Amino acid sequence: MSSRSTGPSTGPSTLPDTLWFTRCPVPTATGIAADRGWLACEFAADGIAVRSLQDAPPEEAADHHYTHALTGLFREGGNVPALWARSRGAATRLIGLTWIEERQVVLVRAGSGITGPGQLRGLRLALPHHGIGIDFWRAMALAGFRGALALAGLTLDDAVPVDVPAVPGGGQWSAELAALRDGTVDAVYVKGALAVEAARRIGAEVAVELDAAPDRRARGNNGTPRPVTVHQRLLDEHPELVARFLAVLLEAADWAAERPAEVARILRAETGAGAEGVAGAYAAGSHRTLHLDLSAERLELLALQERFLRERGFLVAPVDVQAWADPEPLRAARELLDRRRRAGVAAGLRGPLDVPARAAGLQ
C-alpha cells in the first residue's frame, strides 16, 4: 500500500493511494457495492483508487486473497482462508460477519436409495485434495459431511474418507462429481450455484439437504458465517477509511434487500452460473441477508468452525475469535450512515450514495 503525506508538517498523516477489495464468487455486499460503482465513488474525492484484487494482474494480486498480506485490502470471503491467515500471524481484524443460506447438500448416484443422513454410515465420502497452501475445498467437504452425519448422531469416523485429487483446469467439484459418476465414491458434498448446475448434468440425487436442518450448526462451513476482515495497520492508521468502506457495504445491503431481480443479475455475473443455478443455490429472501454484524451467535458459530479446523489440522495455531473481532469499525459505520442519511434528507438529496450527495460533501 503506497501512500502520500497529507497532513501538516507538525504531525503528518498519510492516505493510501489505493484501497483493494476481494470477495468470493458468492452473494456479498462488497460485490453489490462494486457492481454499482459505489466503492469507487466513495473515495474518489480523496484521490484514492479502489480496485478489485480479482481484476489485478497476477504479479499484483499474488495470493493476497488467502494470506491477506496486502495492507490496504478489505476481504469478504470464506472463513477458512481468513482463519488460516490469522493463525499464521497475519495482522488482520474481524470487522463483520454475514450468514447467507447458500445451498449445501450431500449428493449420491441416482437410484442408490440413499435418502437420509443415517444412510451415510460406512459410505465412501469424497474428500478433494488440491495440494495448495490452504485447501479450503477439502475443509469445506469435511465440514459439510460432519454436519450431515451429525444429523443422525454420527461422526466422520463412521464413514470412509476417499481422497480425490483435483483435476488441473477442472471446474469446481468436477473431480468429485466425476468420481461419484464413476462409482469411486458414494457421496459428494457440494454448495452454491455452479455445484447445483454440475450435479444436474450428471443426474446426481440429493441424499441430505443441509439447508433444511433447523440447527445452524449443521451448516457451519467456509461461507457460514462469512467474515469481512481488514489489515490491522489500515485500521490503526485510518479508522475513518474503514468506517466509510463499511458504511458503503451497509448501504449496499439495504439496497439489495429491496431488489431481488438486480441481486440475481449481479449473482449470475459473480458466480458465472445461469439463472437456474442461482435460483437453486440461494434460498428465497437471500437478497435481504447481506447485512454485516458481530452478534454473539455468529461469533460463536465462527468459534465452532475455528475449533473444527484446528482439530483437523488446517490451522497452525489457535485463533481467539472474540479477541480477533473489533466491533468499533461497524459501530462507527452505522453512525456515519445514519448521519449521512439525516443530512441527505435535510438537503433534499436522494441518498448518500448518489453522485449529488457526494458533490454536496455528505461524507
Protein backbone atom coordinates (compact mmCIF):
# COMPACT_ATOMS: atom_id res chain seq x y z
CA MET A 1 0.00 0.00 0.00
CA SER A 2 1.80 3.10 -1.21
CA SER A 3 0.86 6.36 0.45
CA ARG A 4 1.37 10.07 0.33
CA SER A 5 1.65 12.74 3.02
CA THR A 6 -1.49 14.80 3.51
CA GLY A 7 -1.11 16.23 6.99
CA PRO A 8 0.61 19.28 8.43
CA SER A 9 4.35 19.28 8.97
CA THR A 10 3.90 19.10 12.73
CA GLY A 11 2.31 15.67 12.55
CA PRO A 12 1.89 14.37 9.01
CA SER A 13 -0.65 11.68 8.30
CA THR A 14 -0.78 9.63 5.15
CA LEU A 15 -3.55 8.39 2.95
CA PRO A 16 -3.21 5.31 0.78
CA ASP A 17 -3.40 5.98 -2.92
CA THR A 18 -5.20 2.65 -3.43
CA LEU A 19 -7.64 0.56 -1.45
CA TRP A 20 -8.19 -3.03 -2.51
CA PHE A 21 -11.13 -5.34 -2.03
CA THR A 22 -11.58 -9.02 -2.65
CA ARG A 23 -14.62 -11.24 -2.36
CA CYS A 24 -15.59 -14.79 -3.21
CA PRO A 25 -17.97 -15.55 -6.12
CA VAL A 26 -20.99 -15.67 -3.82
CA PRO A 27 -23.56 -13.16 -2.51
CA THR A 28 -21.70 -10.32 -0.77
CA ALA A 29 -22.37 -6.68 -0.01
CA THR A 30 -18.90 -5.99 -1.41
CA GLY A 31 -19.89 -7.49 -4.75
CA ILE A 32 -23.09 -5.43 -4.83
CA ALA A 33 -21.25 -2.20 -3.98
CA ALA A 34 -18.58 -2.89 -6.59
CA ASP A 35 -21.15 -3.60 -9.29
CA ARG A 36 -22.92 -0.33 -8.54
CA GLY A 37 -19.67 1.66 -8.59
CA TRP A 38 -20.24 2.92 -5.05
CA LEU A 39 -16.85 1.95 -3.61
CA ALA A 40 -15.01 3.95 -6.28
CA CYS A 41 -17.40 6.87 -5.78
CA GLU A 42 -16.89 6.88 -2.01
CA PHE A 43 -13.16 7.59 -2.17
CA ALA A 44 -12.80 9.44 -5.48
CA ALA A 45 -12.76 12.89 -3.85
CA ASP A 46 -9.80 11.79 -1.71
CA GLY A 47 -7.82 10.73 -4.76
CA ILE A 48 -7.94 7.12 -3.56
CA ALA A 49 -8.44 4.46 -6.20
CA VAL A 50 -10.48 1.40 -5.24
CA ARG A 51 -9.50 -1.76 -7.08
CA SER A 52 -10.68 -5.35 -7.12
CA LEU A 53 -8.00 -7.93 -6.42
CA GLN A 54 -9.75 -10.22 -8.89
CA ASP A 55 -9.09 -7.72 -11.69
CA ALA A 56 -5.42 -7.12 -10.82
CA PRO A 57 -2.52 -8.63 -12.77
CA PRO A 58 -1.12 -11.81 -11.17
CA GLU A 59 2.03 -10.04 -10.01
CA GLU A 60 -0.09 -7.59 -8.03
CA ALA A 61 -2.75 -9.98 -6.80
CA ALA A 62 -0.29 -12.70 -5.71
CA ASP A 63 -2.01 -14.84 -3.08
CA HIS A 64 -3.38 -11.94 -1.05
CA HIS A 65 -6.94 -13.30 -1.17
CA TYR A 66 -5.69 -16.07 1.09
CA THR A 67 -2.79 -14.54 3.03
CA HIS A 68 -4.23 -11.01 3.45
CA ALA A 69 -0.68 -9.65 3.42
CA LEU A 70 -1.74 -6.55 1.47
CA THR A 71 -2.15 -3.72 3.96
CA GLY A 72 -4.87 -1.81 2.12
CA LEU A 73 -7.09 -4.84 1.49
CA PHE A 74 -10.68 -5.46 2.58
CA ARG A 75 -11.67 -9.13 2.30
CA GLU A 76 -15.21 -10.52 2.30
CA GLY A 77 -14.91 -14.23 1.75
CA GLY A 78 -14.73 -17.71 3.20
CA ASN A 79 -13.72 -18.15 6.81
CA VAL A 80 -11.25 -20.99 6.17
CA PRO A 81 -8.59 -18.81 4.48
CA ALA A 82 -9.32 -15.93 6.88
CA LEU A 83 -8.81 -18.13 9.95
CA TRP A 84 -5.81 -19.83 8.34
CA ALA A 85 -4.10 -16.50 7.67
CA ARG A 86 -4.81 -15.26 11.19
CA SER A 87 -3.47 -18.49 12.71
CA ARG A 88 -0.22 -17.94 10.77
CA GLY A 89 0.19 -14.48 12.25
CA ALA A 90 -1.49 -12.25 9.66
CA ALA A 91 -2.24 -8.87 11.27
CA THR A 92 -5.93 -8.84 10.42
CA ARG A 93 -9.03 -7.86 12.35
CA LEU A 94 -12.51 -9.30 12.01
CA ILE A 95 -14.91 -6.38 11.44
CA GLY A 96 -18.10 -8.09 10.28
CA LEU A 97 -19.86 -11.40 9.65
CA THR A 98 -22.69 -12.38 7.32
CA TRP A 99 -24.78 -15.52 7.14
CA ILE A 100 -26.04 -16.35 3.65
CA GLU A 101 -28.02 -19.55 3.15
CA GLU A 102 -26.05 -20.90 0.21
CA ARG A 103 -27.44 -24.32 -0.69
CA GLN A 104 -25.41 -27.14 0.88
CA VAL A 105 -26.20 -30.75 0.00
CA VAL A 106 -24.75 -34.24 0.02
CA LEU A 107 -25.18 -35.88 -3.37
CA VAL A 108 -25.36 -39.58 -4.30
CA ARG A 109 -25.80 -41.51 -7.53
CA ALA A 110 -29.29 -41.74 -8.96
CA GLY A 111 -31.08 -44.85 -7.84
CA SER A 112 -28.79 -45.50 -4.87
CA GLY A 113 -31.70 -45.43 -2.44
CA ILE A 114 -29.76 -43.21 -0.04
CA THR A 115 -32.20 -40.61 1.23
CA GLY A 116 -31.05 -39.54 4.68
CA PRO A 117 -28.04 -38.81 6.88
CA GLY A 118 -28.21 -42.13 8.73
CA GLN A 119 -27.52 -43.98 5.49
CA LEU A 120 -24.13 -42.27 5.14
CA ARG A 121 -22.70 -44.71 7.68
CA GLY A 122 -19.92 -46.75 6.08
CA LEU A 123 -20.10 -44.90 2.75
CA ARG A 124 -17.08 -43.64 0.80
CA LEU A 125 -17.05 -39.84 1.09
CA ALA A 126 -15.21 -37.72 -1.49
CA LEU A 127 -12.51 -35.50 0.02
CA PRO A 128 -10.90 -33.23 -2.58
CA HIS A 129 -7.15 -32.79 -2.48
CA HIS A 130 -5.79 -29.63 -4.13
CA GLY A 131 -2.29 -29.51 -2.65
CA ILE A 132 -2.37 -25.74 -2.08
CA GLY A 133 -1.35 -23.66 0.93
CA ILE A 134 -4.81 -23.84 2.42
CA ASP A 135 -7.02 -26.49 0.87
CA PHE A 136 -10.33 -24.86 1.70
CA TRP A 137 -12.15 -27.21 -0.68
CA ARG A 138 -11.12 -30.15 1.50
CA ALA A 139 -12.05 -28.25 4.65
CA MET A 140 -15.49 -27.50 3.18
CA ALA A 141 -16.12 -31.12 2.31
CA LEU A 142 -15.10 -32.31 5.77
CA ALA A 143 -17.31 -29.71 7.46
CA GLY A 144 -20.22 -30.50 5.16
CA PHE A 145 -20.03 -34.23 5.82
CA ARG A 146 -19.58 -33.58 9.54
CA GLY A 147 -22.80 -31.54 9.56
CA ALA A 148 -24.71 -34.16 7.59
CA LEU A 149 -23.55 -37.08 9.72
CA ALA A 150 -24.29 -35.17 12.92
CA LEU A 151 -27.97 -35.00 11.93
CA ALA A 152 -28.07 -38.77 12.54
CA GLY A 153 -25.87 -38.73 15.62
CA LEU A 154 -22.86 -39.92 13.60
CA THR A 155 -19.33 -38.55 13.18
CA LEU A 156 -16.75 -38.54 10.41
CA ASP A 157 -15.31 -41.71 11.94
CA ASP A 158 -18.50 -43.53 10.92
CA ALA A 159 -17.74 -43.14 7.20
CA VAL A 160 -14.79 -43.82 4.88
CA PRO A 161 -12.89 -40.79 3.52
CA VAL A 162 -11.58 -41.14 -0.03
CA ASP A 163 -9.04 -38.66 -1.38
CA VAL A 164 -9.96 -37.29 -4.80
CA PRO A 165 -7.09 -35.38 -6.46
CA ALA A 166 -8.08 -32.18 -8.20
CA VAL A 167 -8.03 -32.15 -11.99
CA PRO A 168 -5.84 -29.30 -13.35
CA GLY A 169 -8.10 -26.81 -15.06
CA GLY A 170 -11.21 -28.62 -13.89
CA GLY A 171 -14.21 -26.74 -12.59
CA GLN A 172 -15.47 -26.64 -9.04
CA TRP A 173 -16.29 -30.13 -7.74
CA SER A 174 -15.56 -31.59 -11.18
CA ALA A 175 -13.22 -34.29 -9.88
CA GLU A 176 -15.53 -35.28 -7.01
CA LEU A 177 -18.62 -35.41 -9.21
CA ALA A 178 -16.72 -37.47 -11.78
CA ALA A 179 -15.69 -39.88 -9.01
CA LEU A 180 -19.35 -40.13 -7.95
CA ARG A 181 -20.47 -40.80 -11.52
CA ASP A 182 -17.77 -43.45 -11.98
CA GLY A 183 -18.53 -45.20 -8.68
CA THR A 184 -15.20 -44.41 -6.99
CA VAL A 185 -17.06 -42.69 -4.15
CA ASP A 186 -20.59 -42.92 -2.81
CA ALA A 187 -21.25 -39.32 -1.72
CA VAL A 188 -20.09 -35.81 -2.51
CA TYR A 189 -20.63 -32.56 -0.60
CA VAL A 190 -21.35 -29.52 -2.79
CA LYS A 191 -22.61 -25.99 -2.30
CA GLY A 192 -23.55 -23.00 -4.39
CA ALA A 193 -24.81 -22.20 -7.87
CA LEU A 194 -22.20 -23.90 -10.05
CA ALA A 195 -22.46 -27.09 -7.98
CA VAL A 196 -26.23 -27.17 -8.45
CA GLU A 197 -25.79 -26.97 -12.22
CA ALA A 198 -22.97 -29.55 -12.30
CA ALA A 199 -24.96 -32.03 -10.20
CA ARG A 200 -27.90 -31.81 -12.57
CA ARG A 201 -25.65 -32.52 -15.54
CA ILE A 202 -24.59 -35.91 -14.13
CA GLY A 203 -28.02 -36.77 -12.76
CA ALA A 204 -26.95 -36.90 -9.11
CA GLU A 205 -29.60 -37.03 -6.40
CA VAL A 206 -29.76 -35.22 -3.06
CA ALA A 207 -29.34 -37.51 -0.05
CA VAL A 208 -29.06 -34.80 2.61
CA GLU A 209 -30.34 -31.24 2.35
CA LEU A 210 -28.35 -29.40 4.99
CA ASP A 211 -30.35 -26.20 4.47
CA ALA A 212 -33.41 -27.98 5.86
CA ALA A 213 -31.74 -28.57 9.25
CA PRO A 214 -33.20 -26.21 11.88
CA ASP A 215 -29.90 -26.04 13.78
CA ARG A 216 -27.49 -23.65 12.06
CA ARG A 217 -24.55 -25.56 13.47
CA ALA A 218 -25.24 -28.29 10.89
CA ARG A 219 -24.46 -25.72 8.17
CA GLY A 220 -21.39 -24.16 9.75
CA ASN A 221 -18.81 -24.13 6.98
CA ASN A 222 -16.47 -21.96 4.95
CA GLY A 223 -19.18 -19.47 3.99
CA THR A 224 -21.36 -19.72 7.07
CA PRO A 225 -20.61 -17.41 8.71
CA ARG A 226 -18.61 -15.38 6.17
CA PRO A 227 -16.17 -12.79 7.59
CA VAL A 228 -15.12 -9.33 6.49
CA THR A 229 -11.52 -8.67 7.53
CA VAL A 230 -9.14 -5.75 7.26
CA HIS A 231 -5.45 -5.30 7.96
CA GLN A 232 -4.65 -4.02 11.44
CA ARG A 233 -2.32 -1.34 10.07
CA LEU A 234 -5.03 0.24 7.92
CA LEU A 235 -7.42 0.16 10.87
CA ASP A 236 -4.84 1.74 13.18
CA GLU A 237 -3.75 4.47 10.78
CA HIS A 238 -7.06 5.25 9.05
CA PRO A 239 -10.07 4.05 11.03
CA GLU A 240 -12.21 6.61 9.20
CA LEU A 241 -11.50 4.91 5.85
CA VAL A 242 -12.52 1.56 7.29
CA ALA A 243 -15.75 3.04 8.67
CA ARG A 244 -16.53 4.65 5.32
CA PHE A 245 -15.92 1.39 3.45
CA LEU A 246 -18.23 -0.47 5.82
CA ALA A 247 -20.87 2.27 5.52
CA VAL A 248 -20.99 1.62 1.77
CA LEU A 249 -21.43 -2.11 2.42
CA LEU A 250 -24.29 -1.40 4.82
CA GLU A 251 -25.94 0.83 2.23
CA ALA A 252 -25.44 -1.83 -0.45
CA ALA A 253 -27.11 -4.44 1.77
CA ASP A 254 -30.08 -2.11 2.28
CA TRP A 255 -30.31 -1.51 -1.46
CA ALA A 256 -30.16 -5.24 -2.20
CA ALA A 257 -32.95 -6.02 0.27
CA GLU A 258 -35.45 -4.24 -1.99
CA ARG A 259 -34.19 -5.50 -5.38
CA PRO A 260 -34.15 -9.30 -5.74
CA ALA A 261 -34.02 -9.22 -9.55
CA GLU A 262 -30.99 -6.93 -9.57
CA VAL A 263 -29.24 -9.06 -6.95
CA ALA A 264 -29.89 -12.17 -9.04
CA ARG A 265 -28.33 -10.45 -12.05
CA ILE A 266 -25.25 -9.49 -10.07
CA LEU A 267 -25.02 -13.01 -8.65
CA ARG A 268 -25.05 -14.53 -12.11
CA ALA A 269 -22.09 -12.33 -13.01
CA GLU A 270 -20.28 -13.06 -9.74
CA THR A 271 -20.74 -16.84 -9.83
CA GLY A 272 -20.65 -17.49 -13.56
CA ALA A 273 -23.82 -19.57 -13.19
CA GLY A 274 -27.07 -19.32 -15.07
CA ALA A 275 -30.40 -18.15 -13.72
CA GLU A 276 -31.47 -21.70 -12.83
CA GLY A 277 -28.26 -22.38 -10.91
CA VAL A 278 -28.53 -19.15 -8.93
CA ALA A 279 -32.20 -19.74 -8.15
CA GLY A 280 -31.47 -23.26 -6.98
CA ALA A 281 -28.48 -22.31 -4.84
CA TYR A 282 -29.80 -19.45 -2.75
CA ALA A 283 -32.87 -19.51 -0.56
CA ALA A 284 -35.75 -17.17 -1.25
CA GLY A 285 -35.09 -13.94 0.59
CA SER A 286 -31.28 -14.26 0.47
CA HIS A 287 -31.10 -10.78 -1.03
CA ARG A 288 -32.26 -9.48 2.36
CA THR A 289 -29.45 -11.14 4.34
CA LEU A 290 -26.30 -9.35 3.20
CA HIS A 291 -26.02 -7.15 6.30
CA LEU A 292 -22.95 -7.41 8.49
CA ASP A 293 -22.96 -7.83 12.21
CA LEU A 294 -20.81 -9.23 15.01
CA SER A 295 -23.59 -10.82 17.00
CA ALA A 296 -22.85 -13.29 19.76
CA GLU A 297 -24.49 -16.07 17.73
CA ARG A 298 -22.36 -15.51 14.64
CA LEU A 299 -19.17 -15.19 16.68
CA GLU A 300 -19.95 -18.45 18.47
CA LEU A 301 -20.61 -20.23 15.15
CA LEU A 302 -17.28 -18.94 13.83
CA ALA A 303 -15.58 -20.13 17.02
CA LEU A 304 -17.04 -23.62 16.44
CA GLN A 305 -15.64 -23.55 12.90
CA GLU A 306 -12.23 -22.47 14.23
CA ARG A 307 -12.19 -25.38 16.67
CA PHE A 308 -13.11 -27.85 13.92
CA LEU A 309 -10.43 -26.55 11.56
CA ARG A 310 -7.82 -26.66 14.30
CA GLU A 311 -8.73 -30.21 15.30
CA ARG A 312 -8.48 -31.30 11.66
CA GLY A 313 -5.04 -29.75 11.21
CA PHE A 314 -5.92 -26.80 8.98
CA LEU A 315 -4.70 -24.18 11.49
CA VAL A 316 -1.16 -23.99 12.80
CA ALA A 317 -2.22 -22.13 15.95
CA PRO A 318 -5.46 -21.30 17.78
CA VAL A 319 -7.44 -18.19 16.83
CA ASP A 320 -9.29 -16.46 19.65
CA VAL A 321 -12.34 -15.35 17.67
CA GLN A 322 -13.60 -12.98 20.36
CA ALA A 323 -10.22 -11.22 20.60
CA TRP A 324 -9.91 -11.12 16.80
CA ALA A 325 -13.21 -9.29 16.42
CA ASP A 326 -13.30 -5.49 16.64
CA PRO A 327 -16.86 -4.09 16.79
CA GLU A 328 -15.80 -0.42 16.68
CA PRO A 329 -15.50 -0.03 12.87
CA LEU A 330 -19.02 -1.38 12.32
CA ARG A 331 -20.41 0.83 15.09
CA ALA A 332 -18.72 3.85 13.52
CA ALA A 333 -20.01 2.86 10.06
CA ARG A 334 -23.61 2.67 11.27
CA GLU A 335 -23.30 6.03 12.96
CA LEU A 336 -21.78 7.53 9.80
CA LEU A 337 -24.51 6.11 7.59
CA ASP A 338 -27.21 7.42 9.90
CA ARG A 339 -25.61 10.87 9.91
CA ARG A 340 -25.36 10.90 6.12
CA ARG A 341 -28.96 9.90 5.72
CA ARG A 342 -30.18 12.62 8.04
CA ALA A 343 -28.05 15.17 6.21
CA GLY A 344 -29.29 13.92 2.85
CA VAL A 345 -32.92 14.25 3.89
CA ALA A 346 -32.28 17.77 5.14
CA ALA A 347 -30.60 18.69 1.85
CA GLY A 348 -33.36 17.13 -0.25
CA LEU A 349 -31.00 14.59 -1.80
CA ARG A 350 -31.96 11.06 -2.74
CA GLY A 351 -29.32 9.26 -0.68
CA PRO A 352 -25.70 9.22 0.39
CA LEU A 353 -24.64 7.01 -2.49
CA ASP A 354 -25.99 9.33 -5.14
CA VAL A 355 -23.48 11.47 -7.02
CA PRO A 356 -25.27 14.68 -5.96
CA ALA A 357 -24.82 13.69 -2.33
CA ARG A 358 -21.10 13.17 -2.90
CA ALA A 359 -20.84 16.56 -4.58
CA ALA A 360 -22.55 18.13 -1.59
CA GLY A 361 -19.84 16.75 0.64
CA LEU A 362 -22.01 14.41 2.72
CA GLN A 363 -19.03 12.33 3.78
